[in-house]
Amino acid sequence: MADAPKELWVRFTRDGTVGFGRLEGDAIAVHSGDMFDRPQPTGETLPLAGTELLAPTAPSKIIALWKNLKGLAEKLKQTPPEEPLYLLKAPSSVVGPDAVVTRPKSYAGRVAFEGELGIVIGKRLKDASVEEAEAGIFGYTCVNDITAGELIDKDPSFAQWARSKSFDGFGAFGPAVATGLDPATLTIRTVLNGSERQNYPVSDMFFLPADLVSRLSHDMTLEPGDLIACGTSTGVGAMKDPENVVEVIIDGVGVLKNTFLA
């Protein structure tokens, strides 16, 4: 939310139980209650090292934007969109930081990384104004919107966007949700096997976060924990090596690191 303090929130698993808390240096200050509604510190801390982090929320839906970056639209010679263009990814595609993603058995084609800014919703929003939408944004996270690109146009009668982006593991995000940030100052970088492939600013978006959330809330009700993947820019590429390490980096948010086994 716009007036939230600058904090990093994570989810973790321990002894088969899911918990959440706030990052404080190299430790997690464990909280109870609702991450989005006055969470309470328990007084317990966990060392970050050795603690398995999950995706920082469990979204009821993931909305993924298409053609929202001016740089990529210009490269593809596309006209600016009049309204947000988007698809829905299956919540079952979600994985968190350090997860290993494997190639789907039903698909043998090209698989691409897409580094993106993720918006995490903090309160129920329906038909929200831009001001209400800005107040309803809990924070921001890193997203790797993994895509089986050759599926999209495989059948000329039906574009398979949802299938191409909804395989298990194709919705990586985390490691944390950062609150209290001005998204206009953020830059998204993507590094594949140690080589930087993407570097673009949020300011290059056609629809900036508060405007985007407002518009989407007029199409569907947004719930706390829902994730909006804001779209990607130039530099998207295939993960061709047998083992591919992808890092999506947003200063102030963190580094989302995942491995894709081709």
Protein backbone atom coordinates (compact mmCIF):
# COMPACT_ATOMS: atom_id res chain seq x y z
CA MET A 1 0.00 0.00 0.00
CA ALA A 2 1.13 3.52 -0.70
CA ASP A 3 1.66 4.52 2.93
CA ALA A 4 2.99 1.14 4.13
CA PRO A 5 6.45 1.03 5.73
CA LYS A 6 9.29 -0.50 3.76
CA GLU A 7 9.20 -4.15 4.77
CA LEU A 8 9.85 -7.55 3.21
CA TRP A 9 7.27 -10.28 3.87
CA VAL A 10 7.88 -13.98 3.24
CA ARG A 11 6.16 -17.33 3.67
CA PHE A 12 8.03 -20.42 4.81
CA THR A 13 7.48 -24.05 5.67
CA ARG A 14 8.69 -25.78 8.81
CA ASP A 15 7.86 -29.30 9.96
CA GLY A 16 5.07 -29.47 7.42
CA THR A 17 3.46 -26.23 8.61
CA VAL A 18 3.28 -23.00 6.59
CA GLY A 19 4.11 -19.75 8.36
CA PHE A 20 4.88 -16.16 7.45
CA GLY A 21 6.89 -13.27 8.75
CA ARG A 22 8.95 -10.19 8.10
CA LEU A 23 12.57 -10.30 7.03
CA GLU A 24 14.90 -8.59 9.49
CA GLY A 25 18.45 -8.91 8.20
CA ASP A 26 19.34 -12.59 8.09
CA ALA A 27 16.35 -13.67 10.15
CA ILE A 28 12.57 -13.98 9.86
CA ALA A 29 10.43 -12.36 12.54
CA VAL A 30 7.56 -14.83 12.68
CA HIS A 31 4.03 -13.37 12.67
CA SER A 32 0.56 -14.77 13.20
CA GLY A 33 -2.87 -13.86 11.91
CA ASP A 34 -3.32 -12.39 8.43
CA MET A 35 -0.37 -11.00 6.48
CA PHE A 36 -2.68 -8.42 4.89
CA ASP A 37 -4.64 -7.35 7.97
CA ARG A 38 -2.72 -6.34 11.11
CA PRO A 39 -0.36 -9.33 11.44
CA GLN A 40 1.00 -9.80 14.94
CA PRO A 41 4.63 -10.68 15.81
CA THR A 42 4.91 -13.86 17.85
CA GLY A 43 8.32 -12.94 19.27
CA GLU A 44 9.94 -15.92 17.56
CA THR A 45 12.71 -15.50 15.01
CA LEU A 46 14.06 -18.01 12.52
CA PRO A 47 17.41 -17.89 10.74
CA LEU A 48 16.90 -17.27 7.05
CA ALA A 49 19.69 -19.71 6.24
CA GLY A 50 18.29 -23.21 6.21
CA THR A 51 14.64 -22.10 6.16
CA GLU A 52 12.66 -23.13 3.09
CA LEU A 53 10.90 -20.14 1.59
CA LEU A 54 7.67 -20.56 -0.33
CA ALA A 55 6.08 -18.21 -2.83
CA PRO A 56 5.22 -15.24 -0.60
CA THR A 57 1.44 -15.53 -1.13
CA ALA A 58 -1.04 -18.19 -2.25
CA PRO A 59 -2.97 -16.27 -4.94
CA SER A 60 -6.52 -17.18 -5.83
CA LYS A 61 -5.63 -16.05 -9.35
CA ILE A 62 -2.65 -14.86 -11.37
CA ILE A 63 -3.28 -12.21 -14.01
CA ALA A 64 -0.50 -11.96 -16.60
CA LEU A 65 -0.20 -8.95 -18.90
CA TRP A 66 0.61 -9.00 -22.59
CA LYS A 67 2.00 -6.05 -24.54
CA ASN A 68 2.44 -3.79 -21.53
CA LEU A 69 6.05 -2.67 -22.21
CA LYS A 70 6.75 -0.01 -24.79
CA GLY A 71 10.19 -1.36 -25.66
CA LEU A 72 8.92 -4.80 -26.64
CA ALA A 73 5.90 -3.39 -28.46
CA GLU A 74 8.17 -1.16 -30.53
CA LYS A 75 10.49 -4.07 -31.34
CA LEU A 76 7.54 -6.19 -32.51
CA LYS A 77 6.03 -3.19 -34.36
CA GLN A 78 2.81 -3.40 -32.31
CA THR A 79 0.40 -0.54 -31.74
CA PRO A 80 -0.13 0.62 -28.13
CA PRO A 81 -2.98 -1.24 -26.39
CA GLU A 82 -6.18 0.71 -25.67
CA GLU A 83 -6.76 -1.32 -22.51
CA PRO A 84 -4.85 -4.00 -20.59
CA LEU A 85 -4.43 -7.26 -22.49
CA TYR A 86 -4.10 -10.23 -20.19
CA LEU A 87 -4.54 -13.92 -19.53
CA LEU A 88 -4.97 -16.03 -16.41
CA LYS A 89 -2.34 -18.48 -15.17
CA ALA A 90 -3.34 -21.47 -13.06
CA PRO A 91 -2.60 -21.00 -9.34
CA SER A 92 -1.21 -24.56 -9.42
CA SER A 93 1.70 -23.21 -11.51
CA VAL A 94 3.07 -21.35 -8.47
CA VAL A 95 6.51 -22.13 -7.07
CA GLY A 96 8.74 -20.08 -4.83
CA PRO A 97 12.42 -19.12 -4.69
CA ASP A 98 15.03 -21.82 -5.33
CA ALA A 99 12.42 -24.22 -6.73
CA VAL A 100 13.56 -26.54 -9.52
CA VAL A 101 11.19 -26.48 -12.51
CA THR A 102 11.19 -29.41 -14.91
CA ARG A 103 10.11 -29.60 -18.53
CA PRO A 104 6.49 -30.76 -18.92
CA LYS A 105 6.30 -34.32 -20.24
CA SER A 106 3.61 -33.26 -22.73
CA TYR A 107 5.74 -30.55 -24.39
CA ALA A 108 9.07 -30.83 -26.21
CA GLY A 109 9.41 -27.31 -27.63
CA ARG A 110 11.01 -24.02 -26.64
CA VAL A 111 10.59 -22.82 -23.04
CA ALA A 112 11.31 -19.15 -22.32
CA PHE A 113 11.99 -17.08 -19.21
CA GLU A 114 10.19 -13.76 -18.72
CA GLY A 115 11.37 -11.51 -15.89
CA GLU A 116 8.57 -9.28 -14.62
CA LEU A 117 7.39 -7.05 -11.80
CA GLY A 118 4.62 -8.64 -9.75
CA ILE A 119 1.91 -6.69 -7.94
CA VAL A 120 0.48 -8.32 -4.81
CA ILE A 121 -3.03 -7.24 -3.83
CA GLY A 122 -3.60 -6.41 -0.15
CA LYS A 123 -7.34 -5.81 0.11
CA ARG A 124 -10.49 -6.76 -1.76
CA LEU A 125 -10.92 -4.46 -4.75
CA LYS A 126 -13.92 -4.15 -7.05
CA ASP A 127 -14.52 -1.24 -9.44
CA ALA A 128 -11.71 0.61 -7.68
CA SER A 129 -10.59 4.12 -8.56
CA VAL A 130 -6.88 4.66 -9.20
CA GLU A 131 -6.53 6.07 -5.69
CA GLU A 132 -8.35 3.08 -4.16
CA ALA A 133 -6.26 0.71 -6.23
CA GLU A 134 -3.01 2.31 -5.09
CA ALA A 135 -4.12 1.99 -1.46
CA GLY A 136 -5.09 -1.64 -2.11
CA ILE A 137 -1.68 -2.72 -3.40
CA PHE A 138 0.12 -4.59 -0.62
CA GLY A 139 3.51 -4.61 -2.34
CA TYR A 140 5.72 -5.82 -5.15
CA THR A 141 7.61 -9.01 -5.96
CA CYS A 142 9.76 -10.65 -8.64
CA VAL A 143 8.11 -12.94 -11.21
CA ASN A 144 9.46 -15.41 -13.76
CA ASP A 145 6.49 -15.94 -16.08
CA ILE A 146 7.80 -19.14 -17.71
CA THR A 147 6.26 -19.84 -21.12
CA ALA A 148 6.03 -22.81 -23.49
CA GLY A 149 6.11 -20.47 -26.45
CA GLU A 150 5.53 -22.91 -29.31
CA LEU A 151 2.16 -23.90 -27.86
CA ILE A 152 0.59 -20.47 -28.24
CA ASP A 153 0.02 -20.70 -32.00
CA LYS A 154 0.28 -24.48 -32.42
CA ASP A 155 -3.41 -24.68 -33.32
CA PRO A 156 -4.24 -21.79 -35.68
CA SER A 157 -7.89 -21.87 -34.57
CA PHE A 158 -7.15 -21.17 -30.88
CA ALA A 159 -4.30 -19.33 -29.17
CA GLN A 160 -3.23 -21.44 -26.18
CA TRP A 161 -1.99 -18.69 -23.85
CA ALA A 162 -3.28 -20.20 -20.60
CA ARG A 163 -1.88 -23.66 -21.34
CA SER A 164 1.50 -22.29 -22.43
CA LYS A 165 1.93 -20.47 -19.10
CA SER A 166 0.17 -22.75 -16.60
CA PHE A 167 2.31 -25.89 -16.41
CA ASP A 168 3.42 -26.84 -12.91
CA GLY A 169 6.29 -24.57 -11.89
CA PHE A 170 5.71 -21.97 -14.61
CA GLY A 171 4.49 -19.35 -12.08
CA ALA A 172 7.64 -18.64 -10.06
CA PHE A 173 7.56 -15.59 -7.81
CA GLY A 174 9.22 -14.24 -4.67
CA PRO A 175 11.34 -14.37 -2.64
CA ALA A 176 9.41 -11.68 -0.75
CA VAL A 177 6.75 -9.03 -1.10
CA ALA A 178 8.22 -5.57 -0.58
CA THR A 179 5.93 -2.90 0.84
CA GLY A 180 6.34 0.86 0.85
CA LEU A 181 8.11 1.12 -2.52
CA ASP A 182 7.50 3.60 -5.31
CA PRO A 183 7.16 1.27 -8.32
CA ALA A 184 8.12 4.05 -10.73
CA THR A 185 11.68 3.86 -9.40
CA LEU A 186 12.08 0.10 -9.95
CA THR A 187 14.05 -1.72 -12.64
CA ILE A 188 13.71 -5.39 -13.57
CA ARG A 189 16.80 -7.38 -14.51
CA THR A 190 16.91 -11.01 -15.64
CA VAL A 191 20.11 -13.06 -15.60
CA LEU A 192 20.33 -16.43 -17.35
CA ASN A 193 23.29 -18.65 -16.40
CA GLY A 194 25.27 -15.61 -15.27
CA SER A 195 24.54 -13.47 -18.36
CA GLU A 196 22.21 -10.46 -18.10
CA ARG A 197 19.41 -10.78 -20.65
CA GLN A 198 16.87 -8.17 -19.53
CA ASN A 199 17.17 -4.72 -17.96
CA TYR A 200 14.16 -2.41 -18.18
CA PRO A 201 12.35 0.13 -15.99
CA VAL A 202 8.79 -0.03 -14.69
CA SER A 203 8.34 3.46 -16.16
CA ASP A 204 8.33 1.85 -19.63
CA MET A 205 4.93 0.25 -18.97
CA PHE A 206 1.86 1.39 -20.87
CA PHE A 207 -0.26 0.77 -17.75
CA LEU A 208 1.50 1.60 -14.49
CA PRO A 209 0.58 -0.40 -11.36
CA ALA A 210 -2.18 1.70 -9.77
CA ASP A 211 -3.87 2.38 -13.11
CA LEU A 212 -3.51 -1.28 -14.07
CA VAL A 213 -5.01 -2.56 -10.80
CA SER A 214 -7.91 -0.11 -11.09
CA ARG A 215 -8.70 -1.24 -14.63
CA LEU A 216 -8.47 -4.94 -13.77
CA SER A 217 -10.74 -4.47 -10.75
CA HIS A 218 -13.47 -3.33 -13.14
CA ASP A 219 -13.23 -6.69 -14.90
CA MET A 220 -13.01 -8.96 -11.86
CA THR A 221 -12.83 -8.73 -8.09
CA LEU A 222 -9.25 -8.80 -6.82
CA GLU A 223 -8.59 -10.58 -3.54
CA PRO A 224 -5.76 -10.24 -0.98
CA GLY A 225 -2.77 -12.26 -2.12
CA ASP A 226 -3.69 -12.18 -5.81
CA LEU A 227 -0.75 -11.69 -8.16
CA ILE A 228 -0.57 -9.48 -11.24
CA ALA A 229 2.43 -10.15 -13.48
CA CYS A 230 2.94 -6.81 -15.23
CA GLY A 231 4.34 -8.10 -18.52
CA THR A 232 7.86 -8.29 -19.87
CA SER A 233 10.16 -6.39 -22.22
CA THR A 234 12.89 -7.15 -24.72
CA GLY A 235 15.46 -9.82 -23.99
CA VAL A 236 13.13 -12.77 -23.44
CA GLY A 237 14.83 -15.97 -24.52
CA ALA A 238 14.78 -19.74 -24.50
CA MET A 239 16.34 -21.82 -21.74
CA LYS A 240 18.38 -24.23 -23.87
CA ASP A 241 20.96 -25.76 -21.53
CA PRO A 242 20.23 -29.03 -19.72
CA GLU A 243 20.27 -26.98 -16.49
CA ASN A 244 19.34 -23.28 -16.56
CA VAL A 245 19.65 -20.89 -13.61
CA VAL A 246 17.41 -17.83 -13.94
CA GLU A 247 17.58 -14.85 -11.59
CA VAL A 248 14.98 -12.07 -11.68
CA ILE A 249 16.40 -9.12 -9.76
CA ILE A 250 14.58 -6.01 -8.52
CA ASP A 251 16.55 -3.78 -6.15
CA GLY A 252 14.57 -3.25 -2.99
CA VAL A 253 12.58 -6.42 -3.57
CA GLY A 254 15.17 -9.17 -3.90
CA VAL A 255 16.43 -11.92 -6.18
CA LEU A 256 14.15 -14.67 -7.40
CA LYS A 257 16.37 -17.61 -8.35
CA ASN A 258 15.06 -20.78 -9.97
CA THR A 259 16.50 -23.65 -11.96
CA PHE A 260 14.85 -25.00 -15.10
CA LEU A 261 15.78 -28.51 -16.21
CA ALA A 262 15.33 -28.78 -19.94
